[in-house]
PDB file of N, CA and C in Angstrom:
ATOM      1  N   MET A   1     -15.513   3.655 -14.369  1.00  0.00           N
ATOM      2  CA  MET A   1     -14.107   4.432 -14.095  1.00  0.00           C
ATOM      3  C   MET A   1     -13.388   3.905 -15.465  1.00  0.00           C
ATOM      4  N   THR A   2     -12.236   5.278 -15.828  1.00  0.00           N
ATOM      5  CA  THR A   2     -12.004   5.080 -16.834  1.00  0.00           C
ATOM      6  C   THR A   2     -11.207   4.611 -17.134  1.00  0.00           C
ATOM      7  N   PRO A   3      -9.909   3.970 -18.023  1.00  0.00           N
ATOM      8  CA  PRO A   3      -9.242   3.167 -17.933  1.00  0.00           C
ATOM      9  C   PRO A   3      -7.686   3.439 -17.414  1.00  0.00           C
ATOM     10  N   PHE A   4      -7.397   5.403 -17.470  1.00  0.00           N
ATOM     11  CA  PHE A   4      -6.623   5.294 -17.305  1.00  0.00           C
ATOM     12  C   PHE A   4      -6.837   5.740 -15.542  1.00  0.00           C
ATOM     13  N   ALA A   5      -7.956   6.082 -14.887  1.00  0.00           N
ATOM     14  CA  ALA A   5      -8.537   5.840 -13.448  1.00  0.00           C
ATOM     15  C   ALA A   5      -7.893   4.751 -12.731  1.00  0.00           C
ATOM     16  N   GLU A   6      -8.444   3.496 -13.672  1.00  0.00           N
ATOM     17  CA  GLU A   6      -7.882   2.578 -13.066  1.00  0.00           C
ATOM     18  C   GLU A   6      -6.742   2.017 -12.713  1.00  0.00           C
ATOM     19  N   LEU A   7      -6.359   2.365 -13.677  1.00  0.00           N
ATOM     20  CA  LEU A   7      -4.172   2.176 -14.029  1.00  0.00           C
ATOM     21  C   LEU A   7      -3.771   2.486 -12.873  1.00  0.00           C
ATOM     22  N   MET A   8      -4.692   4.213 -12.089  1.00  0.00           N
ATOM     23  CA  MET A   8      -3.733   4.860 -11.795  1.00  0.00           C
ATOM     24  C   MET A   8      -3.970   4.206 -10.514  1.00  0.00           C
ATOM     25  N   ARG A   9      -5.081   3.998  -9.964  1.00  0.00           N
ATOM     26  CA  ARG A   9      -5.880   3.113  -9.021  1.00  0.00           C
ATOM     27  C   ARG A   9      -4.727   1.434  -8.323  1.00  0.00           C
ATOM     28  N   GLU A  10      -4.716   0.585  -9.405  1.00  0.00           N
ATOM     29  CA  GLU A  10      -3.711   0.267  -9.449  1.00  0.00           C
ATOM     30  C   GLU A  10      -2.432   0.051  -9.338  1.00  0.00           C
ATOM     31  N   ASP A  11      -1.467   1.090  -9.805  1.00  0.00           N
ATOM     32  CA  ASP A  11      -0.218   1.548  -9.438  1.00  0.00           C
ATOM     33  C   ASP A  11      -0.374   2.010  -8.011  1.00  0.00           C
ATOM     34  N   ARG A  12      -1.224   2.798  -7.474  1.00  0.00           N
ATOM     35  CA  ARG A  12      -1.224   3.188  -6.547  1.00  0.00           C
ATOM     36  C   ARG A  12      -1.176   2.398  -5.187  1.00  0.00           C
ATOM     37  N   ARG A  13      -1.971   1.173  -5.370  1.00  0.00           N
ATOM     38  CA  ARG A  13      -2.138  -0.045  -4.452  1.00  0.00           C
ATOM     39  C   ARG A  13      -0.895  -0.995  -4.806  1.00  0.00           C
ATOM     40  N   ILE A  14      -0.228  -0.847  -5.418  1.00  0.00           N
ATOM     41  CA  ILE A  14       1.163  -1.809  -5.487  1.00  0.00           C
ATOM     42  C   ILE A  14       2.314  -0.590  -4.843  1.00  0.00           C
ATOM     43  N   CYS A  15       1.953   0.469  -5.021  1.00  0.00           N
ATOM     44  CA  CYS A  15       2.798   1.660  -4.304  1.00  0.00           C
ATOM     45  C   CYS A  15       2.801   1.398  -3.024  1.00  0.00           C
ATOM     46  N   LEU A  16       1.507   1.163  -2.696  1.00  0.00           N
ATOM     47  CA  LEU A  16       1.366   1.213  -0.925  1.00  0.00           C
ATOM     48  C   LEU A  16       2.647  -0.114  -0.344  1.00  0.00           C
ATOM     49  N   LEU A  17       1.752  -1.485  -1.259  1.00  0.00           N
ATOM     50  CA  LEU A  17       2.276  -2.572  -0.814  1.00  0.00           C
ATOM     51  C   LEU A  17       4.242  -2.686  -0.535  1.00  0.00           C
ATOM     52  N   ARG A  18       4.717  -1.818  -1.575  1.00  0.00           N
ATOM     53  CA  ARG A  18       6.006  -1.882  -1.496  1.00  0.00           C
ATOM     54  C   ARG A  18       6.334  -0.926  -0.822  1.00  0.00           C
ATOM     55  N   ALA A  19       5.955   0.268  -0.385  1.00  0.00           N
ATOM     56  CA  ALA A  19       6.567   1.079   0.290  1.00  0.00           C
ATOM     57  C   ALA A  19       6.377   0.268   2.213  1.00  0.00           C
ATOM     58  N   LEU A  20       5.164  -0.053   2.688  1.00  0.00           N
ATOM     59  CA  LEU A  20       5.625  -1.083   3.797  1.00  0.00           C
ATOM     60  C   LEU A  20       6.563  -2.365   3.641  1.00  0.00           C
ATOM     61  N   GLY A  21       6.685  -2.203   2.473  1.00  0.00           N
ATOM     62  CA  GLY A  21       7.907  -3.837   2.608  1.00  0.00           C
ATOM     63  C   GLY A  21       8.974  -3.424   2.821  1.00  0.00           C
ATOM     64  N   CYS A  22       9.399  -1.653   2.790  1.00  0.00           N
ATOM     65  CA  CYS A  22      10.769  -0.891   3.053  1.00  0.00           C
ATOM     66  C   CYS A  22      10.952  -0.804   4.070  1.00  0.00           C
ATOM     67  N   MET A  23       9.584  -0.663   5.390  1.00  0.00           N
ATOM     68  CA  MET A  23       9.383   0.060   6.408  1.00  0.00           C
ATOM     69  C   MET A  23      10.042  -0.729   7.249  1.00  0.00           C
ATOM     70  N   PRO A  24      10.663  -0.103   8.216  1.00  0.00           N
ATOM     71  CA  PRO A  24      10.867  -1.009  10.023  1.00  0.00           C
ATOM     72  C   PRO A  24       9.817  -1.350  10.177  1.00  0.00           C
ATOM     73  N   GLU A  25       9.776  -3.157  10.017  1.00  0.00           N
ATOM     74  CA  GLU A  25       9.067  -4.304  10.942  1.00  0.00           C
ATOM     75  C   GLU A  25       7.410  -3.847   9.270  1.00  0.00           C
ATOM     76  N   ARG A  26       7.905  -3.708   8.903  1.00  0.00           N
ATOM     77  CA  ARG A  26       6.969  -3.870   7.468  1.00  0.00           C
ATOM     78  C   ARG A  26       5.769  -3.219   8.186  1.00  0.00           C
ATOM     79  N   ARG A  27       5.805  -2.399   8.501  1.00  0.00           N
ATOM     80  CA  ARG A  27       4.549  -1.141   9.447  1.00  0.00           C
ATOM     81  C   ARG A  27       4.438   0.539   9.236  1.00  0.00           C
ATOM     82  N   ALA A  28       3.596   1.068   9.169  1.00  0.00           N
ATOM     83  CA  ALA A  28       3.564   2.355   9.133  1.00  0.00           C
ATOM     84  C   ALA A  28       2.369   2.801   9.289  1.00  0.00           C
ATOM     85  N   ASN A  29       2.405   4.323  10.115  1.00  0.00           N
ATOM     86  CA  ASN A  29       1.096   5.064  10.146  1.00  0.00           C
ATOM     87  C   ASN A  29       0.822   5.610   8.119  1.00  0.00           C
ATOM     88  N   HIS A  30      -1.125   5.647   8.553  1.00  0.00           N
ATOM     89  CA  HIS A  30      -1.684   6.485   7.116  1.00  0.00           C
ATOM     90  C   HIS A  30      -1.015   7.592   6.833  1.00  0.00           C
ATOM     91  N   LEU A  31      -0.705   8.358   7.829  1.00  0.00           N
ATOM     92  CA  LEU A  31       0.530  10.034   7.107  1.00  0.00           C
ATOM     93  C   LEU A  31       1.743   9.733   6.743  1.00  0.00           C
ATOM     94  N   VAL A  32       2.687   8.344   7.057  1.00  0.00           N
ATOM     95  CA  VAL A  32       3.848   7.845   6.400  1.00  0.00           C
ATOM     96  C   VAL A  32       3.476   7.505   5.051  1.00  0.00           C
ATOM     97  N   LEU A  33       2.514   6.760   4.972  1.00  0.00           N
ATOM     98  CA  LEU A  33       1.693   6.223   3.851  1.00  0.00           C
ATOM     99  C   LEU A  33       1.658   7.360   2.520  1.00  0.00           C
ATOM    100  N   HIS A  34       0.749   8.364   3.278  1.00  0.00           N
ATOM    101  CA  HIS A  34       0.595   9.280   2.749  1.00  0.00           C
ATOM    102  C   HIS A  34       1.681   9.980   1.794  1.00  0.00           C
ATOM    103  N   GLU A  35       2.758  10.639   2.678  1.00  0.00           N
ATOM    104  CA  GLU A  35       3.638  11.019   2.160  1.00  0.00           C
ATOM    105  C   GLU A  35       4.874  10.325   1.005  1.00  0.00           C
ATOM    106  N   ALA A  36       4.525   8.993   1.520  1.00  0.00           N
ATOM    107  CA  ALA A  36       5.300   8.202   0.393  1.00  0.00           C
ATOM    108  C   ALA A  36       4.732   8.253  -0.663  1.00  0.00           C
ATOM    109  N   LEU A  37       2.887   8.112  -0.389  1.00  0.00           N
ATOM    110  CA  LEU A  37       2.376   8.053  -1.904  1.00  0.00           C
ATOM    111  C   LEU A  37       2.986   9.066  -3.338  1.00  0.00           C
ATOM    112  N   ASP A  38       2.741  10.282  -1.853  1.00  0.00           N
ATOM    113  CA  ASP A  38       2.946  11.838  -2.986  1.00  0.00           C
ATOM    114  C   ASP A  38       4.285  11.669  -3.658  1.00  0.00           C
ATOM    115  N   SER A  39       5.088  11.154  -2.650  1.00  0.00           N
ATOM    116  CA  SER A  39       6.742  11.077  -3.470  1.00  0.00           C
ATOM    117  C   SER A  39       6.648  10.627  -4.915  1.00  0.00           C
ATOM    118  N   LEU A  40       5.635   9.561  -4.695  1.00  0.00           N
ATOM    119  CA  LEU A  40       5.982   8.205  -6.027  1.00  0.00           C
ATOM    120  C   LEU A  40       4.725   8.967  -6.989  1.00  0.00           C
ATOM    121  N   GLY A  41       4.339  10.548  -6.793  1.00  0.00           N
ATOM    122  CA  GLY A  41       3.550  10.630  -8.069  1.00  0.00           C
ATOM    123  C   GLY A  41       2.360  10.325  -7.877  1.00  0.00           C
ATOM    124  N   HIS A  42       1.580  10.124  -6.398  1.00  0.00           N
ATOM    125  CA  HIS A  42       0.704   9.937  -6.761  1.00  0.00           C
ATOM    126  C   HIS A  42      -0.742  11.189  -5.150  1.00  0.00           C
ATOM    127  N   GLY A  43      -0.420  11.965  -5.969  1.00  0.00           N
ATOM    128  CA  GLY A  43      -1.358  12.923  -5.129  1.00  0.00           C
ATOM    129  C   GLY A  43      -2.948  12.643  -4.877  1.00  0.00           C
ATOM    130  N   VAL A  44      -2.980  12.096  -3.730  1.00  0.00           N
ATOM    131  CA  VAL A  44      -3.995  11.853  -3.450  1.00  0.00           C
ATOM    132  C   VAL A  44      -4.750  12.199  -1.947  1.00  0.00           C
ATOM    133  N   GLY A  45      -6.207  12.206  -1.816  1.00  0.00           N
ATOM    134  CA  GLY A  45      -6.217  12.443  -0.399  1.00  0.00           C
ATOM    135  C   GLY A  45      -6.555  11.332   0.676  1.00  0.00           C
ATOM    136  N   VAL A  46      -6.506  11.568   1.722  1.00  0.00           N
ATOM    137  CA  VAL A  46      -6.278  11.100   2.809  1.00  0.00           C
ATOM    138  C   VAL A  46      -7.554   9.917   2.975  1.00  0.00           C
ATOM    139  N   ASP A  47      -8.236  10.565   2.519  1.00  0.00           N
ATOM    140  CA  ASP A  47      -9.885   9.369   2.247  1.00  0.00           C
ATOM    141  C   ASP A  47      -9.702   8.918   1.063  1.00  0.00           C
ATOM    142  N   VAL A  48      -9.026   9.122   0.316  1.00  0.00           N
ATOM    143  CA  VAL A  48      -8.777   7.857  -1.382  1.00  0.00           C
ATOM    144  C   VAL A  48      -7.703   6.681  -0.911  1.00  0.00           C
ATOM    145  N   LEU A  49      -6.321   7.209   0.506  1.00  0.00           N
ATOM    146  CA  LEU A  49      -5.729   6.531   0.729  1.00  0.00           C
ATOM    147  C   LEU A  49      -5.727   5.508   1.511  1.00  0.00           C
ATOM    148  N   LEU A  50      -7.033   6.093   2.522  1.00  0.00           N
ATOM    149  CA  LEU A  50      -7.858   4.966   3.541  1.00  0.00           C
ATOM    150  C   LEU A  50      -8.536   4.142   2.728  1.00  0.00           C
ATOM    151  N   ALA A  51      -9.492   4.558   2.126  1.00  0.00           N
ATOM    152  CA  ALA A  51      -9.894   3.539   0.945  1.00  0.00           C
ATOM    153  C   ALA A  51      -9.684   2.265   0.170  1.00  0.00           C
ATOM    154  N   ASP A  52      -7.745   2.694  -0.024  1.00  0.00           N
ATOM    155  CA  ASP A  52      -6.856   1.967  -0.202  1.00  0.00           C
ATOM    156  C   ASP A  52      -6.172   0.828   0.381  1.00  0.00           C
ATOM    157  N   LEU A  53      -6.535   1.550   2.220  1.00  0.00           N
ATOM    158  CA  LEU A  53      -6.242   0.676   3.272  1.00  0.00           C
ATOM    159  C   LEU A  53      -7.613  -0.075   3.092  1.00  0.00           C
ATOM    160  N   THR A  54      -8.679   0.210   3.568  1.00  0.00           N
ATOM    161  CA  THR A  54      -9.467  -0.475   3.548  1.00  0.00           C
ATOM    162  C   THR A  54     -10.033  -1.812   2.406  1.00  0.00           C
ATOM    163  N   TRP A  55      -9.196  -1.975   1.591  1.00  0.00           N
ATOM    164  CA  TRP A  55      -9.668  -3.206   0.225  1.00  0.00           C
ATOM    165  C   TRP A  55      -8.640  -3.637   0.185  1.00  0.00           C
ATOM    166  N   LEU A  56      -7.198  -2.993   0.739  1.00  0.00           N
ATOM    167  CA  LEU A  56      -6.050  -4.104   1.004  1.00  0.00           C
ATOM    168  C   LEU A  56      -6.172  -5.092   1.932  1.00  0.00           C
ATOM    169  N   ALA A  57      -6.998  -4.548   3.274  1.00  0.00           N
ATOM    170  CA  ALA A  57      -7.136  -5.228   4.390  1.00  0.00           C
ATOM    171  C   ALA A  57      -8.003  -6.208   4.412  1.00  0.00           C
ATOM    172  N   GLU A  58      -9.128  -5.647   3.410  1.00  0.00           N
ATOM    173  CA  GLU A  58     -10.011  -6.929   3.357  1.00  0.00           C
ATOM    174  C   GLU A  58      -9.513  -7.956   2.251  1.00  0.00           C
ATOM    175  N   LEU A  59      -8.451  -7.912   2.084  1.00  0.00           N
ATOM    176  CA  LEU A  59      -8.074  -8.489   0.965  1.00  0.00           C
ATOM    177  C   LEU A  59      -6.811  -9.540   1.671  1.00  0.00           C
ATOM    178  N   GLY A  60      -6.731  -9.559   2.782  1.00  0.00           N
ATOM    179  CA  GLY A  60      -5.758  -9.856   3.769  1.00  0.00           C
ATOM    180  C   GLY A  60      -4.247  -9.614   3.767  1.00  0.00           C
ATOM    181  N   LEU A  61      -3.761  -8.770   2.469  1.00  0.00           N
ATOM    182  CA  LEU A  61      -2.939  -7.912   2.329  1.00  0.00           C
ATOM    183  C   LEU A  61      -1.981  -7.350   3.405  1.00  0.00           C
ATOM    184  N   VAL A  62      -2.983  -6.584   4.151  1.00  0.00           N
ATOM    185  CA  VAL A  62      -2.403  -5.416   5.294  1.00  0.00           C
ATOM    186  C   VAL A  62      -3.080  -5.798   6.169  1.00  0.00           C
ATOM    187  N   ALA A  63      -2.724  -5.499   7.795  1.00  0.00           N
ATOM    188  CA  ALA A  63      -3.539  -5.811   8.536  1.00  0.00           C
ATOM    189  C   ALA A  63      -3.585  -3.788   8.998  1.00  0.00           C
ATOM    190  N   CYS A  64      -5.077  -3.337   9.581  1.00  0.00           N
ATOM    191  CA  CYS A  64      -4.507  -2.127  10.025  1.00  0.00           C
ATOM    192  C   CYS A  64      -5.130  -2.000  11.187  1.00  0.00           C
ATOM    193  N   ASP A  65      -4.812  -0.991  11.952  1.00  0.00           N
ATOM    194  CA  ASP A  65      -4.906  -0.901  13.665  1.00  0.00           C
ATOM    195  C   ASP A  65      -5.223   0.807  13.497  1.00  0.00           C
ATOM    196  N   CYS A  66      -6.956   1.006  14.010  1.00  0.00           N
ATOM    197  CA  CYS A  66      -6.621   2.196  14.094  1.00  0.00           C
ATOM    198  C   CYS A  66      -6.598   2.587  15.808  1.00  0.00           C
ATOM    199  N   LEU A  67      -5.544   3.673  15.741  1.00  0.00           N
ATOM    200  CA  LEU A  67      -5.304   4.146  17.185  1.00  0.00           C
ATOM    201  C   LEU A  67      -6.283   5.491  17.386  1.00  0.00           C
ATOM    202  N   LYS A  68      -6.606   5.801  18.399  1.00  0.00           N
ATOM    203  CA  LYS A  68      -6.838   7.337  18.660  1.00  0.00           C
ATOM    204  C   LYS A  68      -6.545   8.196  19.844  1.00  0.00           C
ATOM    205  N   SER A  69      -6.209   9.339  19.832  1.00  0.00           N
ATOM    206  CA  SER A  69      -5.451  10.019  20.652  1.00  0.00           C
ATOM    207  C   SER A  69      -5.949  11.644  20.565  1.00  0.00           C
ATOM    208  N   GLY A  70      -6.748  11.907  21.916  1.00  0.00           N
ATOM    209  CA  GLY A  70      -7.074  13.275  21.631  1.00  0.00           C
ATOM    210  C   GLY A  70      -7.450  13.545  20.781  1.00  0.00           C
ATOM    211  N   GLY A  71      -8.780  12.818  20.223  1.00  0.00           N
ATOM    212  CA  GLY A  71      -9.614  12.767  19.133  1.00  0.00           C
ATOM    213  C   GLY A  71      -9.427  12.821  18.041  1.00  0.00           C
ATOM    214  N   HIS A  72      -7.519  12.324  17.839  1.00  0.00           N
ATOM    215  CA  HIS A  72      -7.311  12.154  16.252  1.00  0.00           C
ATOM    216  C   HIS A  72      -7.006  10.572  16.241  1.00  0.00           C
ATOM    217  N   GLY A  73      -7.070  10.406  15.318  1.00  0.00           N
ATOM    218  CA  GLY A  73      -6.916   8.940  14.700  1.00  0.00           C
ATOM    219  C   GLY A  73      -5.681   9.127  13.541  1.00  0.00           C
ATOM    220  N   CYS A  74      -5.081   7.650  14.120  1.00  0.00           N
ATOM    221  CA  CYS A  74      -4.403   7.269  13.028  1.00  0.00           C
ATOM    222  C   CYS A  74      -4.443   5.321  12.890  1.00  0.00           C
ATOM    223  N   THR A  75      -3.763   5.535  11.685  1.00  0.00           N
ATOM    224  CA  THR A  75      -4.414   3.923  11.717  1.00  0.00           C
ATOM    225  C   THR A  75      -2.587   3.546  10.985  1.00  0.00           C
ATOM    226  N   VAL A  76      -2.847   2.444  11.541  1.00  0.00           N
ATOM    227  CA  VAL A  76      -1.180   1.571  11.594  1.00  0.00           C
ATOM    228  C   VAL A  76      -1.419   0.738  10.814  1.00  0.00           C
ATOM    229  N   VAL A  77      -1.015   0.744   9.687  1.00  0.00           N
ATOM    230  CA  VAL A  77      -0.460  -0.544   8.916  1.00  0.00           C
ATOM    231  C   VAL A  77       0.238  -1.299   8.980  1.00  0.00           C
ATOM    232  N   THR A  78       0.127  -2.651   8.750  1.00  0.00           N
ATOM    233  CA  THR A  78       0.941  -3.542   8.825  1.00  0.00           C
ATOM    234  C   THR A  78       1.059  -4.715   7.590  1.00  0.00           C
ATOM    235  N   LEU A  79       2.472  -4.695   6.628  1.00  0.00           N
ATOM    236  CA  LEU A  79       2.075  -5.822   5.852  1.00  0.00           C
ATOM    237  C   LEU A  79       1.764  -7.098   6.027  1.00  0.00           C
ATOM    238  N   THR A  80       1.274  -8.186   5.514  1.00  0.00           N
ATOM    239  CA  THR A  80       1.020  -9.141   5.736  1.00  0.00           C
ATOM    240  C   THR A  80       1.924 -10.124   4.884  1.00  0.00           C
ATOM    241  N   PRO A  81       2.554 -11.425   5.120  1.00  0.00           N
ATOM    242  CA  PRO A  81       3.156 -12.200   4.454  1.00  0.00           C
ATOM    243  C   PRO A  81       2.488 -12.085   2.872  1.00  0.00           C
ATOM    244  N   ARG A  82       1.039 -12.464   2.456  1.00  0.00           N
ATOM    245  CA  ARG A  82       0.330 -12.404   1.325  1.00  0.00           C
ATOM    246  C   ARG A  82       0.579 -10.928   0.559  1.00  0.00           C
ATOM    247  N   GLY A  83       0.927  -9.931   1.492  1.00  0.00           N
ATOM    248  CA  GLY A  83       1.092  -8.776   0.431  1.00  0.00           C
ATOM    249  C   GLY A  83       2.198  -8.742   0.535  1.00  0.00           C
ATOM    250  N   MET A  84       3.281  -8.908   1.137  1.00  0.00           N
ATOM    251  CA  MET A  84       4.402  -8.935   0.996  1.00  0.00           C
ATOM    252  C   MET A  84       4.932  -9.974  -0.803  1.00  0.00           C
ATOM    253  N   ASP A  85       4.025 -11.238  -0.716  1.00  0.00           N
ATOM    254  CA  ASP A  85       4.154 -11.987  -1.830  1.00  0.00           C
ATOM    255  C   ASP A  85       3.263 -11.450  -2.885  1.00  0.00           C
ATOM    256  N   VAL A  86       2.339 -10.445  -3.204  1.00  0.00           N
ATOM    257  CA  VAL A  86       1.861  -9.412  -4.142  1.00  0.00           C
ATOM    258  C   VAL A  86       3.132  -8.437  -4.274  1.00  0.00           C
ATOM    259  N   ALA A  87       3.836  -8.102  -3.170  1.00  0.00           N
ATOM    260  CA  ALA A  87       4.457  -6.356  -3.419  1.00  0.00           C
ATOM    261  C   ALA A  87       5.754  -7.117  -4.454  1.00  0.00           C
ATOM    262  N   LEU A  88       5.914  -8.349  -4.100  1.00  0.00           N
ATOM    263  CA  LEU A  88       7.550  -8.831  -5.043  1.00  0.00           C
ATOM    264  C   LEU A  88       7.232  -9.823  -5.936  1.00  0.00           C
ATOM    265  N   GLY A  89       5.558  -9.299  -6.190  1.00  0.00           N
ATOM    266  CA  GLY A  89       4.847 -10.077  -7.975  1.00  0.00           C
ATOM    267  C   GLY A  89       5.408 -11.848  -7.913  1.00  0.00           C
ATOM    268  N   ARG A  90       5.168 -12.178  -6.697  1.00  0.00           N
ATOM    269  CA  ARG A  90       4.892 -13.440  -6.513  1.00  0.00           C
ATOM    270  C   ARG A  90       3.686 -14.191  -6.616  1.00  0.00           C
ATOM    271  N   SER A  91       2.945 -13.630  -5.979  1.00  0.00           N
ATOM    272  CA  SER A  91       1.517 -13.235  -5.994  1.00  0.00           C
ATOM    273  C   SER A  91       0.627 -12.438  -7.179  1.00  0.00           C
ATOM    274  N   THR A  92      -0.248 -12.656  -7.737  1.00  0.00           N
ATOM    275  CA  THR A  92      -1.314 -11.758  -8.325  1.00  0.00           C
ATOM    276  C   THR A  92      -2.384 -11.326  -7.815  1.00  0.00           C
ATOM    277  N   VAL A  93      -3.105  -9.965  -7.666  1.00  0.00           N
ATOM    278  CA  VAL A  93      -4.723  -9.704  -7.750  1.00  0.00           C
ATOM    279  C   VAL A  93      -5.120  -8.879  -8.411  1.00  0.00           C
ATOM    280  N   PRO A  94      -6.382  -9.505  -8.774  1.00  0.00           N
ATOM    281  CA  PRO A  94      -7.061  -8.320  -9.617  1.00  0.00           C
ATOM    282  C   PRO A  94      -7.222  -6.735  -9.022  1.00  0.00           C
ATOM    283  N   GLY A  95      -6.696  -6.055  -9.577  1.00  0.00           N
ATOM    284  CA  GLY A  95      -7.237  -4.479  -8.721  1.00  0.00           C
ATOM    285  C   GLY A  95      -6.069  -3.840  -8.411  1.00  0.00           C
ATOM    286  N   ILE A  96      -4.181  -5.050  -8.518  1.00  0.00           N
ATOM    287  CA  ILE A  96      -3.199  -4.330  -7.951  1.00  0.00           C
ATOM    288  C   ILE A  96      -2.163  -4.203  -9.486  1.00  0.00           C
ATOM    289  N   LYS A  97      -1.797  -3.045  -9.491  1.00  0.00           N
ATOM    290  CA  LYS A  97      -0.620  -3.797 -11.040  1.00  0.00           C
ATOM    291  C   LYS A  97       0.504  -4.695 -10.553  1.00  0.00           C
ATOM    292  N   ARG A  98       0.787  -5.859 -11.026  1.00  0.00           N
ATOM    293  CA  ARG A  98       1.903  -6.495 -11.062  1.00  0.00           C
ATOM    294  C   ARG A  98       3.298  -5.738 -11.330  1.00  0.00           C
ATOM    295  N   PRO A  99       4.379  -5.682 -10.894  1.00  0.00           N
ATOM    296  CA  PRO A  99       5.356  -4.953 -10.830  1.00  0.00           C
ATOM    297  C   PRO A  99       6.443  -5.512 -12.216  1.00  0.00           C
ATOM    298  N   LEU A 100       6.635  -5.203 -13.123  1.00  0.00           N
ATOM    299  CA  LEU A 100       7.118  -5.503 -13.957  1.00  0.00           C
ATOM    300  C   LEU A 100       8.812  -6.457 -13.239  1.00  0.00           C
ATOM    301  N   PRO A 101       9.711  -6.947 -14.226  1.00  0.00           N
ATOM    302  CA  PRO A 101      10.879  -7.961 -13.621  1.00  0.00           C
ATOM    303  C   PRO A 101      12.114  -6.288 -13.152  1.00  0.00           C
ATOM    304  N   GLY A 102      11.817  -5.587 -14.345  1.00  0.00           N
ATOM    305  CA  GLY A 102      13.063  -4.557 -13.442  1.00  0.00           C
ATOM    306  C   GLY A 102      12.750  -3.616 -12.451  1.00  0.00           C
ATOM    307  N   ASP A 103      11.353  -3.710 -12.051  1.00  0.00           N
ATOM    308  CA  ASP A 103      10.499  -2.880 -11.215  1.00  0.00           C
ATOM    309  C   ASP A 103      10.859  -3.417  -9.938  1.00  0.00           C
ATOM    310  N   LEU A 104      10.833  -4.894  -9.809  1.00  0.00           N
ATOM    311  CA  LEU A 104      10.921  -5.707  -8.721  1.00  0.00           C
ATOM    312  C   LEU A 104      12.038  -5.024  -7.921  1.00  0.00           C
ATOM    313  N   PRO A 105      11.981  -5.239  -6.530  1.00  0.00           N
ATOM    314  CA  PRO A 105      12.939  -4.856  -5.250  1.00  0.00           C
ATOM    315  C   PRO A 105      13.160  -6.032  -4.794  1.00  0.00           C
ATOM    316  N   ASP A 106      15.054  -5.962  -4.545  1.00  0.00           N
ATOM    317  CA  ASP A 106      15.867  -7.069  -3.977  1.00  0.00           C
ATOM    318  C   ASP A 106      15.228  -7.352  -2.956  1.00  0.00           C
ATOM    319  N   PRO A 107      14.606  -8.923  -3.154  1.00  0.00           N
ATOM    320  CA  PRO A 107      13.648  -9.288  -1.779  1.00  0.00           C
ATOM    321  C   PRO A 107      14.776  -9.074  -0.259  1.00  0.00           C
ATOM    322  N   GLU A 108      16.043  -9.461  -0.422  1.00  0.00           N
ATOM    323  CA  GLU A 108      16.962  -9.125   1.065  1.00  0.00           C
ATOM    324  C   GLU A 108      17.077  -7.550   1.412  1.00  0.00           C
ATOM    325  N   ALA A 109      16.397  -6.917  -0.026  1.00  0.00           N
ATOM    326  CA  ALA A 109      16.375  -4.813   0.698  1.00  0.00           C
ATOM    327  C   ALA A 109      15.322  -4.868   1.767  1.00  0.00           C
ATOM    328  N   LEU A 110      13.976  -5.802   1.136  1.00  0.00           N
ATOM    329  CA  LEU A 110      12.739  -5.431   1.708  1.00  0.00           C
ATOM    330  C   LEU A 110      12.630  -6.325   3.399  1.00  0.00           C
TER     331      LEU A 110
END
């Protein structure tokens, strides 16, 4: 993977965690997260999004629940306390961009 592609992947992952931190109950479905990523400059396919969510879940940063209805699937994603620590820059995980001090949201807003 090129350095730029790696940078984009790391930024996309922190964007996902931070977006979840701003959602009611710290959860959203993958379609809402797909729109959030697009609005943040990460226009990727749903397959890339789902791969990132699977990777984040394997690390215990999010929990994913797959729901099926009428032949269509939806993944509901919930931010874990560990994921919140990473989103706020309290913890670091290789493969996820660490937020810069000026980029950190107000913890009370999350």
